[in-house]
Amino acid sequence: MQADYTRDFYIAAFSHPAVNGITMWGFWEGRHWIPKAALMTKNWSPKPNYEAYLNLVRKEWWTRETGATDQAGKWSGRGFKGDYSITVQVGDKNRSFQTSISDSQESITLKLD
């Protein structure tokens, strides 16, 4: 039941446009103000609610995109709002960029030297 509640709560919060983030007040039973609500047991074993949280945040909502540009040097993908590290490879050279996606952005332009 905790896993279902954690998943449903995060989905509801994530989908609401007024929510900018979620603060988690504790995750370990050994120092949680409501030990049964923790994500990890006292011996640091993950509970089902931890697995539900991790699945959403690190799998379903984690943007991992790859692809090649078209002849004009354009590539299209979809990402969630947030901070990104983007690596571009041209031949045998890589260049990394740090950027962010905000509510008002429709695209990101990266310029290579």
C-alpha atoms as a PDB file:
ATOM      1  CA  MET A   1       0.000   0.000   0.000  1.00  0.00           C
ATOM      2  CA  GLN A   2       2.901   2.393   0.781  1.00  0.00           C
ATOM      3  CA  ALA A   3       4.363   1.810  -2.661  1.00  0.00           C
ATOM      4  CA  ASP A   4       1.034   2.549  -4.339  1.00  0.00           C
ATOM      5  CA  TYR A   5       0.538   5.696  -2.257  1.00  0.00           C
ATOM      6  CA  THR A   6       4.091   6.926  -2.932  1.00  0.00           C
ATOM      7  CA  ARG A   7       3.677   6.362  -6.679  1.00  0.00           C
ATOM      8  CA  ASP A   8       0.234   7.974  -6.822  1.00  0.00           C
ATOM      9  CA  PHE A   9       1.259  10.962  -4.687  1.00  0.00           C
ATOM     10  CA  TYR A  10       4.336  11.696  -6.794  1.00  0.00           C
ATOM     11  CA  ILE A  11       2.388  11.344 -10.051  1.00  0.00           C
ATOM     12  CA  ALA A  12      -0.339  13.702  -8.812  1.00  0.00           C
ATOM     13  CA  ALA A  13       2.199  16.264  -7.589  1.00  0.00           C
ATOM     14  CA  PHE A  14       4.398  15.989 -10.689  1.00  0.00           C
ATOM     15  CA  SER A  15       1.447  16.508 -13.006  1.00  0.00           C
ATOM     16  CA  HIS A  16       0.148  19.628 -11.252  1.00  0.00           C
ATOM     17  CA  PRO A  17       1.452  22.870 -12.830  1.00  0.00           C
ATOM     18  CA  ALA A  18       1.672  24.693  -9.471  1.00  0.00           C
ATOM     19  CA  VAL A  19       4.114  22.144  -7.994  1.00  0.00           C
ATOM     20  CA  ASN A  20       7.795  23.062  -8.376  1.00  0.00           C
ATOM     21  CA  GLY A  21       9.237  20.304  -6.215  1.00  0.00           C
ATOM     22  CA  ILE A  22       8.671  17.865  -3.371  1.00  0.00           C
ATOM     23  CA  THR A  23      10.593  17.925  -0.090  1.00  0.00           C
ATOM     24  CA  MET A  24      11.031  14.544   1.549  1.00  0.00           C
ATOM     25  CA  TRP A  25      11.457  14.864   5.324  1.00  0.00           C
ATOM     26  CA  GLY A  26      13.404  11.721   6.055  1.00  0.00           C
ATOM     27  CA  PHE A  27      13.926   8.413   4.334  1.00  0.00           C
ATOM     28  CA  TRP A  28      15.548   6.071   6.923  1.00  0.00           C
ATOM     29  CA  GLU A  29      13.598   4.350   9.728  1.00  0.00           C
ATOM     30  CA  GLY A  30      16.417   5.011  12.185  1.00  0.00           C
ATOM     31  CA  ARG A  31      15.924   8.812  12.039  1.00  0.00           C
ATOM     32  CA  HIS A  32      12.439   9.292  10.618  1.00  0.00           C
ATOM     33  CA  TRP A  33       9.811  11.124  12.672  1.00  0.00           C
ATOM     34  CA  ILE A  34       7.311   8.462  11.550  1.00  0.00           C
ATOM     35  CA  PRO A  35       9.540   5.368  11.185  1.00  0.00           C
ATOM     36  CA  LYS A  36       6.935   3.262   9.330  1.00  0.00           C
ATOM     37  CA  ALA A  37       6.742   5.957   6.623  1.00  0.00           C
ATOM     38  CA  ALA A  38      10.464   5.719   5.799  1.00  0.00           C
ATOM     39  CA  LEU A  39      11.736   4.473   2.452  1.00  0.00           C
ATOM     40  CA  MET A  40      14.561   2.421   3.992  1.00  0.00           C
ATOM     41  CA  THR A  41      14.398   0.050   6.956  1.00  0.00           C
ATOM     42  CA  LYS A  42      16.632   0.518   9.993  1.00  0.00           C
ATOM     43  CA  ASN A  43      19.140  -1.945   8.463  1.00  0.00           C
ATOM     44  CA  TRP A  44      19.126   0.125   5.211  1.00  0.00           C
ATOM     45  CA  SER A  45      17.072  -2.337   3.180  1.00  0.00           C
ATOM     46  CA  PRO A  46      14.897  -0.608   0.578  1.00  0.00           C
ATOM     47  CA  LYS A  47      11.165  -0.884   1.132  1.00  0.00           C
ATOM     48  CA  PRO A  48       8.584  -1.178  -1.690  1.00  0.00           C
ATOM     49  CA  ASN A  49       7.821   2.561  -1.419  1.00  0.00           C
ATOM     50  CA  TYR A  50      11.519   3.253  -2.103  1.00  0.00           C
ATOM     51  CA  GLU A  51      11.363   1.082  -5.219  1.00  0.00           C
ATOM     52  CA  ALA A  52       8.236   2.969  -6.378  1.00  0.00           C
ATOM     53  CA  TYR A  53       9.963   6.324  -5.803  1.00  0.00           C
ATOM     54  CA  LEU A  54      13.148   5.182  -7.552  1.00  0.00           C
ATOM     55  CA  ASN A  55      11.238   3.783 -10.530  1.00  0.00           C
ATOM     56  CA  LEU A  56       9.510   7.115 -11.137  1.00  0.00           C
ATOM     57  CA  VAL A  57      12.409   9.477 -10.503  1.00  0.00           C
ATOM     58  CA  ARG A  58      15.286   7.485 -12.012  1.00  0.00           C
ATOM     59  CA  LYS A  59      13.514   5.524 -14.736  1.00  0.00           C
ATOM     60  CA  GLU A  60      10.172   6.875 -15.947  1.00  0.00           C
ATOM     61  CA  TRP A  61      10.995  10.563 -15.414  1.00  0.00           C
ATOM     62  CA  TRP A  62      14.717  10.450 -16.225  1.00  0.00           C
ATOM     63  CA  THR A  63      15.483  11.761 -19.686  1.00  0.00           C
ATOM     64  CA  ARG A  64      17.963   9.625 -21.615  1.00  0.00           C
ATOM     65  CA  GLU A  65      17.883  10.477 -25.303  1.00  0.00           C
ATOM     66  CA  THR A  66      20.298   9.670 -28.092  1.00  0.00           C
ATOM     67  CA  GLY A  67      20.238  10.253 -31.810  1.00  0.00           C
ATOM     68  CA  ALA A  68      21.904  11.673 -34.852  1.00  0.00           C
ATOM     69  CA  THR A  69      21.287  15.092 -36.376  1.00  0.00           C
ATOM     70  CA  ASP A  70      19.742  15.536 -39.798  1.00  0.00           C
ATOM     71  CA  GLN A  71      21.556  17.129 -42.749  1.00  0.00           C
ATOM     72  CA  ALA A  72      20.860  20.603 -41.317  1.00  0.00           C
ATOM     73  CA  GLY A  73      22.404  19.660 -37.964  1.00  0.00           C
ATOM     74  CA  LYS A  74      19.064  19.448 -36.138  1.00  0.00           C
ATOM     75  CA  TRP A  75      17.955  16.773 -33.726  1.00  0.00           C
ATOM     76  CA  SER A  76      14.628  16.482 -31.961  1.00  0.00           C
ATOM     77  CA  GLY A  77      13.843  14.812 -28.658  1.00  0.00           C
ATOM     78  CA  ARG A  78      11.662  15.285 -25.611  1.00  0.00           C
ATOM     79  CA  GLY A  79      12.793  16.161 -22.093  1.00  0.00           C
ATOM     80  CA  PHE A  80      11.389  17.085 -18.728  1.00  0.00           C
ATOM     81  CA  LYS A  81      11.915  20.499 -17.171  1.00  0.00           C
ATOM     82  CA  GLY A  82      15.257  20.605 -15.349  1.00  0.00           C
ATOM     83  CA  ASP A  83      19.037  20.651 -15.702  1.00  0.00           C
ATOM     84  CA  TYR A  84      20.850  18.657 -18.364  1.00  0.00           C
ATOM     85  CA  SER A  85      24.310  17.567 -19.353  1.00  0.00           C
ATOM     86  CA  ILE A  86      24.365  17.059 -23.129  1.00  0.00           C
ATOM     87  CA  THR A  87      27.287  15.450 -24.934  1.00  0.00           C
ATOM     88  CA  VAL A  88      27.722  15.983 -28.668  1.00  0.00           C
ATOM     89  CA  GLN A  89      30.059  13.779 -30.678  1.00  0.00           C
ATOM     90  CA  VAL A  90      31.495  14.891 -34.006  1.00  0.00           C
ATOM     91  CA  GLY A  91      33.865  12.334 -35.466  1.00  0.00           C
ATOM     92  CA  ASP A  92      36.133  11.249 -32.622  1.00  0.00           C
ATOM     93  CA  LYS A  93      35.646  14.451 -30.587  1.00  0.00           C
ATOM     94  CA  ASN A  94      33.124  14.954 -27.767  1.00  0.00           C
ATOM     95  CA  ARG A  95      31.901  18.246 -26.365  1.00  0.00           C
ATOM     96  CA  SER A  96      29.686  18.521 -23.279  1.00  0.00           C
ATOM     97  CA  PHE A  97      27.176  21.276 -22.572  1.00  0.00           C
ATOM     98  CA  GLN A  98      25.319  22.134 -19.368  1.00  0.00           C
ATOM     99  CA  THR A  99      21.860  23.574 -19.954  1.00  0.00           C
ATOM    100  CA  SER A 100      18.355  23.719 -18.521  1.00  0.00           C
ATOM    101  CA  ILE A 101      14.841  23.311 -19.823  1.00  0.00           C
ATOM    102  CA  SER A 102      12.217  25.668 -18.397  1.00  0.00           C
ATOM    103  CA  ASP A 103       8.447  25.976 -18.789  1.00  0.00           C
ATOM    104  CA  SER A 104       8.751  28.587 -21.522  1.00  0.00           C
ATOM    105  CA  GLN A 105      11.389  26.863 -23.683  1.00  0.00           C
ATOM    106  CA  GLU A 106      10.535  25.091 -26.891  1.00  0.00           C
ATOM    107  CA  SER A 107      14.085  24.334 -28.000  1.00  0.00           C
ATOM    108  CA  ILE A 108      17.768  24.412 -27.077  1.00  0.00           C
ATOM    109  CA  THR A 109      20.453  25.515 -29.522  1.00  0.00           C
ATOM    110  CA  LEU A 110      23.986  24.214 -29.108  1.00  0.00           C
ATOM    111  CA  LYS A 111      26.755  25.769 -31.180  1.00  0.00           C
ATOM    112  CA  LEU A 112      29.936  23.864 -31.969  1.00  0.00           C
ATOM    113  CA  ASP A 113      33.172  25.634 -32.828  1.00  0.00           C
END
